[in-house]
Amino acid sequence: MHSEFVASRSADPRDPRDSRASRNGTPHLDAVSLAIIEQLQEDGRRPYAAIGKAVGLSEAAVRQRVQKLLDQGVMQIVAVTDPLTVGFRRQAMVGIHVEGDVESVADALTAMPECEYVVMTAGSFDLMVEIVCEDDDHLLDVINGRIRAIPGVRSTESFVYLKLKKQTYMWGTR
């Protein structure tokens, strides 16, 4: 990220006081915050001093910005693993049809540690859930014993992963 690119996004890229919210109520991010996010997407372990140099802030200012982004839930800094290498041999996407309140079903799914990704959708399914399990028996228990037991779940359709070809979190910022 070059500082001239950062400067082109905002009249004053060092002014963190822009408190406008986007249409969906999330915090408006100024050009510097977006640039910091992009730096961390490239390398989540990049030192604050190096990020500061790239975006035109001090190390301390970057540290404060990163903490604010974490506190606001704008981003997370995590280690992304290959599930197979850490003992999770079965992944699946499950489409769920719901009768009644979709939010309550989504909340119940969110509470399950095996459900890594829960989205409410428009289309064939009301919810799509990515599940990461140790093996087929574990997957069966999660789908049949727990998901289908949630009040409001009408039906499920499972899409078992045969091979993970791409998983990335490098979509940048807008």
C-alpha atoms as a PDB file:
ATOM      1  CA  MET A   1       0.000   0.000   0.000  1.00  0.00           C
ATOM      2  CA  HIS A   2       1.578   3.253  -1.094  1.00  0.00           C
ATOM      3  CA  SER A   3       0.969   6.430   0.870  1.00  0.00           C
ATOM      4  CA  GLU A   4      -0.096   8.306  -2.287  1.00  0.00           C
ATOM      5  CA  PHE A   5      -2.897   5.731  -2.726  1.00  0.00           C
ATOM      6  CA  VAL A   6      -3.955   6.279   0.862  1.00  0.00           C
ATOM      7  CA  ALA A   7      -3.937  10.023   0.358  1.00  0.00           C
ATOM      8  CA  SER A   8      -6.094   9.725  -2.752  1.00  0.00           C
ATOM      9  CA  ARG A   9      -8.942   8.135  -0.779  1.00  0.00           C
ATOM     10  CA  SER A  10      -9.595  11.075   1.557  1.00  0.00           C
ATOM     11  CA  ALA A  11      -8.860  14.762   1.845  1.00  0.00           C
ATOM     12  CA  ASP A  12      -7.124  14.210   5.198  1.00  0.00           C
ATOM     13  CA  PRO A  13      -6.184  10.540   5.631  1.00  0.00           C
ATOM     14  CA  ARG A  14      -4.881  11.155   9.168  1.00  0.00           C
ATOM     15  CA  ASP A  15      -8.253  12.403  10.494  1.00  0.00           C
ATOM     16  CA  PRO A  16      -9.906   9.496  12.369  1.00  0.00           C
ATOM     17  CA  ARG A  17     -12.855  11.631  13.478  1.00  0.00           C
ATOM     18  CA  ASP A  18     -15.081  10.750  10.516  1.00  0.00           C
ATOM     19  CA  SER A  19     -18.054   9.350  12.425  1.00  0.00           C
ATOM     20  CA  ARG A  20     -20.450   8.822   9.529  1.00  0.00           C
ATOM     21  CA  ALA A  21     -22.019   5.395   9.305  1.00  0.00           C
ATOM     22  CA  SER A  22     -22.684   3.435   6.147  1.00  0.00           C
ATOM     23  CA  ARG A  23     -26.188   2.467   5.054  1.00  0.00           C
ATOM     24  CA  ASN A  24     -26.155  -0.695   7.168  1.00  0.00           C
ATOM     25  CA  GLY A  25     -25.077   1.122  10.336  1.00  0.00           C
ATOM     26  CA  THR A  26     -21.479  -0.100  10.405  1.00  0.00           C
ATOM     27  CA  PRO A  27     -18.760   2.431  11.196  1.00  0.00           C
ATOM     28  CA  HIS A  28     -17.503   4.493   8.279  1.00  0.00           C
ATOM     29  CA  LEU A  29     -13.834   3.714   7.769  1.00  0.00           C
ATOM     30  CA  ASP A  30     -11.473   6.439   6.652  1.00  0.00           C
ATOM     31  CA  ALA A  31      -8.712   5.852   4.116  1.00  0.00           C
ATOM     32  CA  VAL A  32      -6.057   5.131   6.737  1.00  0.00           C
ATOM     33  CA  SER A  33      -8.146   2.495   8.497  1.00  0.00           C
ATOM     34  CA  LEU A  34      -8.848   0.829   5.140  1.00  0.00           C
ATOM     35  CA  ALA A  35      -5.136   0.889   4.336  1.00  0.00           C
ATOM     36  CA  ILE A  36      -4.296  -0.683   7.712  1.00  0.00           C
ATOM     37  CA  ILE A  37      -6.832  -3.448   7.075  1.00  0.00           C
ATOM     38  CA  GLU A  38      -5.302  -4.133   3.663  1.00  0.00           C
ATOM     39  CA  GLN A  39      -1.823  -4.318   5.212  1.00  0.00           C
ATOM     40  CA  LEU A  40      -3.051  -6.863   7.771  1.00  0.00           C
ATOM     41  CA  GLN A  41      -4.889  -8.902   5.124  1.00  0.00           C
ATOM     42  CA  GLU A  42      -1.589  -9.270   3.299  1.00  0.00           C
ATOM     43  CA  ASP A  43       0.207 -10.332   6.502  1.00  0.00           C
ATOM     44  CA  GLY A  44      -1.603 -10.483   9.836  1.00  0.00           C
ATOM     45  CA  ARG A  45       1.742 -10.518  11.647  1.00  0.00           C
ATOM     46  CA  ARG A  46       3.110  -7.403   9.962  1.00  0.00           C
ATOM     47  CA  PRO A  47       4.697  -5.146  12.607  1.00  0.00           C
ATOM     48  CA  TYR A  48       2.846  -1.944  13.515  1.00  0.00           C
ATOM     49  CA  ALA A  49       5.977   0.058  12.667  1.00  0.00           C
ATOM     50  CA  ALA A  50       5.983  -1.321   9.100  1.00  0.00           C
ATOM     51  CA  ILE A  51       2.252  -0.646   8.737  1.00  0.00           C
ATOM     52  CA  GLY A  52       2.785   2.870  10.058  1.00  0.00           C
ATOM     53  CA  LYS A  53       5.485   3.514   7.488  1.00  0.00           C
ATOM     54  CA  ALA A  54       3.195   2.299   4.684  1.00  0.00           C
ATOM     55  CA  VAL A  55       0.197   4.392   5.762  1.00  0.00           C
ATOM     56  CA  GLY A  56       1.923   7.463   7.170  1.00  0.00           C
ATOM     57  CA  LEU A  57       1.268   7.013  10.902  1.00  0.00           C
ATOM     58  CA  SER A  58       3.377   6.304  13.963  1.00  0.00           C
ATOM     59  CA  GLU A  59       3.556   2.806  15.417  1.00  0.00           C
ATOM     60  CA  ALA A  60       1.501   3.956  18.424  1.00  0.00           C
ATOM     61  CA  ALA A  61      -1.207   5.454  16.184  1.00  0.00           C
ATOM     62  CA  VAL A  62      -1.428   2.214  14.199  1.00  0.00           C
ATOM     63  CA  ARG A  63      -1.693   0.223  17.431  1.00  0.00           C
ATOM     64  CA  GLN A  64      -4.609   2.454  18.548  1.00  0.00           C
ATOM     65  CA  ARG A  65      -6.340   2.177  15.164  1.00  0.00           C
ATOM     66  CA  VAL A  66      -5.992  -1.618  15.101  1.00  0.00           C
ATOM     67  CA  GLN A  67      -7.381  -1.916  18.621  1.00  0.00           C
ATOM     68  CA  LYS A  68     -10.354   0.288  17.693  1.00  0.00           C
ATOM     69  CA  LEU A  69     -11.047  -1.835  14.586  1.00  0.00           C
ATOM     70  CA  LEU A  70     -10.919  -4.981  16.732  1.00  0.00           C
ATOM     71  CA  ASP A  71     -13.151  -3.460  19.440  1.00  0.00           C
ATOM     72  CA  GLN A  72     -15.722  -2.352  16.854  1.00  0.00           C
ATOM     73  CA  GLY A  73     -15.838  -5.833  15.339  1.00  0.00           C
ATOM     74  CA  VAL A  74     -14.660  -4.499  11.970  1.00  0.00           C
ATOM     75  CA  MET A  75     -11.964  -7.176  11.771  1.00  0.00           C
ATOM     76  CA  GLN A  76     -10.350 -10.092  13.559  1.00  0.00           C
ATOM     77  CA  ILE A  77      -6.735 -11.155  13.482  1.00  0.00           C
ATOM     78  CA  VAL A  78      -6.627 -14.953  13.534  1.00  0.00           C
ATOM     79  CA  ALA A  79      -4.589 -17.903  12.340  1.00  0.00           C
ATOM     80  CA  VAL A  80      -6.375 -19.561   9.423  1.00  0.00           C
ATOM     81  CA  THR A  81      -5.652 -23.288   9.350  1.00  0.00           C
ATOM     82  CA  ASP A  82      -6.209 -26.090   6.888  1.00  0.00           C
ATOM     83  CA  PRO A  83      -8.865 -28.130   8.733  1.00  0.00           C
ATOM     84  CA  LEU A  84      -7.397 -31.436   7.544  1.00  0.00           C
ATOM     85  CA  THR A  85      -4.023 -30.755   9.104  1.00  0.00           C
ATOM     86  CA  VAL A  86      -5.529 -30.039  12.531  1.00  0.00           C
ATOM     87  CA  GLY A  87      -7.780 -33.108  12.734  1.00  0.00           C
ATOM     88  CA  PHE A  88     -11.008 -32.027  11.038  1.00  0.00           C
ATOM     89  CA  ARG A  89     -11.487 -34.494   8.200  1.00  0.00           C
ATOM     90  CA  ARG A  90     -15.030 -33.595   7.176  1.00  0.00           C
ATOM     91  CA  GLN A  91     -16.503 -30.281   6.049  1.00  0.00           C
ATOM     92  CA  ALA A  92     -19.926 -29.609   4.613  1.00  0.00           C
ATOM     93  CA  MET A  93     -22.192 -26.767   3.601  1.00  0.00           C
ATOM     94  CA  VAL A  94     -25.741 -27.315   4.813  1.00  0.00           C
ATOM     95  CA  GLY A  95     -28.740 -25.552   3.317  1.00  0.00           C
ATOM     96  CA  ILE A  96     -31.588 -25.184   5.808  1.00  0.00           C
ATOM     97  CA  HIS A  97     -35.284 -24.503   5.275  1.00  0.00           C
ATOM     98  CA  VAL A  98     -36.923 -22.848   8.280  1.00  0.00           C
ATOM     99  CA  GLU A  99     -40.518 -22.518   9.409  1.00  0.00           C
ATOM    100  CA  GLY A 100     -41.097 -19.424  11.484  1.00  0.00           C
ATOM    101  CA  ASP A 101     -38.368 -17.232  12.897  1.00  0.00           C
ATOM    102  CA  VAL A 102     -35.151 -17.552  10.892  1.00  0.00           C
ATOM    103  CA  GLU A 103     -33.229 -15.379  13.375  1.00  0.00           C
ATOM    104  CA  SER A 104     -33.798 -17.764  16.294  1.00  0.00           C
ATOM    105  CA  VAL A 105     -32.607 -20.737  14.233  1.00  0.00           C
ATOM    106  CA  ALA A 106     -29.557 -18.744  13.085  1.00  0.00           C
ATOM    107  CA  ASP A 107     -28.791 -17.850  16.708  1.00  0.00           C
ATOM    108  CA  ALA A 108     -28.964 -21.519  17.750  1.00  0.00           C
ATOM    109  CA  LEU A 109     -26.619 -22.500  14.908  1.00  0.00           C
ATOM    110  CA  THR A 110     -24.210 -19.702  15.784  1.00  0.00           C
ATOM    111  CA  ALA A 111     -23.874 -21.170  19.276  1.00  0.00           C
ATOM    112  CA  MET A 112     -22.628 -24.519  17.876  1.00  0.00           C
ATOM    113  CA  PRO A 113     -18.827 -24.682  17.703  1.00  0.00           C
ATOM    114  CA  GLU A 114     -18.928 -26.844  14.550  1.00  0.00           C
ATOM    115  CA  CYS A 115     -20.821 -24.133  12.642  1.00  0.00           C
ATOM    116  CA  GLU A 116     -18.075 -21.890  11.305  1.00  0.00           C
ATOM    117  CA  TYR A 117     -20.183 -19.828   8.930  1.00  0.00           C
ATOM    118  CA  VAL A 118     -23.883 -19.015   9.286  1.00  0.00           C
ATOM    119  CA  VAL A 119     -25.706 -16.786   6.791  1.00  0.00           C
ATOM    120  CA  MET A 120     -29.331 -15.929   6.207  1.00  0.00           C
ATOM    121  CA  THR A 121     -30.027 -16.092   2.486  1.00  0.00           C
ATOM    122  CA  ALA A 122     -32.592 -15.258  -0.149  1.00  0.00           C
ATOM    123  CA  GLY A 123     -33.238 -18.112  -2.545  1.00  0.00           C
ATOM    124  CA  SER A 124     -33.686 -21.854  -2.170  1.00  0.00           C
ATOM    125  CA  PHE A 125     -32.604 -21.957   1.460  1.00  0.00           C
ATOM    126  CA  ASP A 126     -33.294 -19.703   4.419  1.00  0.00           C
ATOM    127  CA  LEU A 127     -29.863 -20.394   5.925  1.00  0.00           C
ATOM    128  CA  MET A 128     -26.523 -21.705   4.708  1.00  0.00           C
ATOM    129  CA  VAL A 129     -24.170 -23.140   7.330  1.00  0.00           C
ATOM    130  CA  GLU A 130     -20.594 -24.343   6.928  1.00  0.00           C
ATOM    131  CA  ILE A 131     -19.778 -27.179   9.305  1.00  0.00           C
ATOM    132  CA  VAL A 132     -16.304 -28.442  10.220  1.00  0.00           C
ATOM    133  CA  CYS A 133     -16.196 -31.877  11.873  1.00  0.00           C
ATOM    134  CA  GLU A 134     -13.714 -34.551  12.871  1.00  0.00           C
ATOM    135  CA  ASP A 135     -15.266 -37.287  10.720  1.00  0.00           C
ATOM    136  CA  ASP A 136     -18.502 -38.533   9.136  1.00  0.00           C
ATOM    137  CA  ASP A 137     -19.921 -39.755  12.462  1.00  0.00           C
ATOM    138  CA  HIS A 138     -19.382 -36.311  13.951  1.00  0.00           C
ATOM    139  CA  LEU A 139     -21.027 -34.689  10.909  1.00  0.00           C
ATOM    140  CA  LEU A 140     -24.016 -37.017  11.199  1.00  0.00           C
ATOM    141  CA  ASP A 141     -24.393 -36.176  14.882  1.00  0.00           C
ATOM    142  CA  VAL A 142     -24.298 -32.445  14.185  1.00  0.00           C
ATOM    143  CA  ILE A 143     -26.809 -32.546  11.322  1.00  0.00           C
ATOM    144  CA  ASN A 144     -29.189 -35.250  12.500  1.00  0.00           C
ATOM    145  CA  GLY A 145     -28.870 -34.971  16.253  1.00  0.00           C
ATOM    146  CA  ARG A 146     -28.481 -31.233  16.730  1.00  0.00           C
ATOM    147  CA  ILE A 147     -29.387 -29.099  13.706  1.00  0.00           C
ATOM    148  CA  ARG A 148     -32.560 -31.004  12.828  1.00  0.00           C
ATOM    149  CA  ALA A 149     -33.563 -30.857  16.510  1.00  0.00           C
ATOM    150  CA  ILE A 150     -33.652 -27.038  16.519  1.00  0.00           C
ATOM    151  CA  PRO A 151     -37.262 -25.794  16.697  1.00  0.00           C
ATOM    152  CA  GLY A 152     -38.213 -24.310  13.324  1.00  0.00           C
ATOM    153  CA  VAL A 153     -35.833 -26.372  11.162  1.00  0.00           C
ATOM    154  CA  ARG A 154     -38.059 -27.868   8.478  1.00  0.00           C
ATOM    155  CA  SER A 155     -35.428 -29.616   6.336  1.00  0.00           C
ATOM    156  CA  THR A 156     -31.734 -29.691   5.492  1.00  0.00           C
ATOM    157  CA  GLU A 157     -29.671 -30.458   2.423  1.00  0.00           C
ATOM    158  CA  SER A 158     -26.002 -31.304   2.880  1.00  0.00           C
ATOM    159  CA  PHE A 159     -23.168 -30.607   0.471  1.00  0.00           C
ATOM    160  CA  VAL A 160     -20.162 -32.607   1.682  1.00  0.00           C
ATOM    161  CA  TYR A 161     -16.789 -31.201   0.646  1.00  0.00           C
ATOM    162  CA  LEU A 162     -14.652 -33.652  -1.292  1.00  0.00           C
ATOM    163  CA  LYS A 163     -11.663 -31.339  -1.651  1.00  0.00           C
ATOM    164  CA  LEU A 164     -11.030 -27.745  -0.622  1.00  0.00           C
ATOM    165  CA  LYS A 165      -9.433 -25.982  -3.596  1.00  0.00           C
ATOM    166  CA  LYS A 166      -9.438 -22.359  -2.459  1.00  0.00           C
ATOM    167  CA  GLN A 167     -10.022 -20.523   0.784  1.00  0.00           C
ATOM    168  CA  THR A 168      -8.864 -16.946   1.017  1.00  0.00           C
ATOM    169  CA  TYR A 169      -9.606 -13.804   2.945  1.00  0.00           C
ATOM    170  CA  MET A 170      -7.800 -11.389   0.644  1.00  0.00           C
ATOM    171  CA  TRP A 171     -10.756  -9.462  -0.791  1.00  0.00           C
ATOM    172  CA  GLY A 172      -9.260  -6.120   0.185  1.00  0.00           C
ATOM    173  CA  THR A 173     -11.410  -3.115   1.052  1.00  0.00           C
ATOM    174  CA  ARG A 174     -13.765  -0.853  -0.870  1.00  0.00           C
END
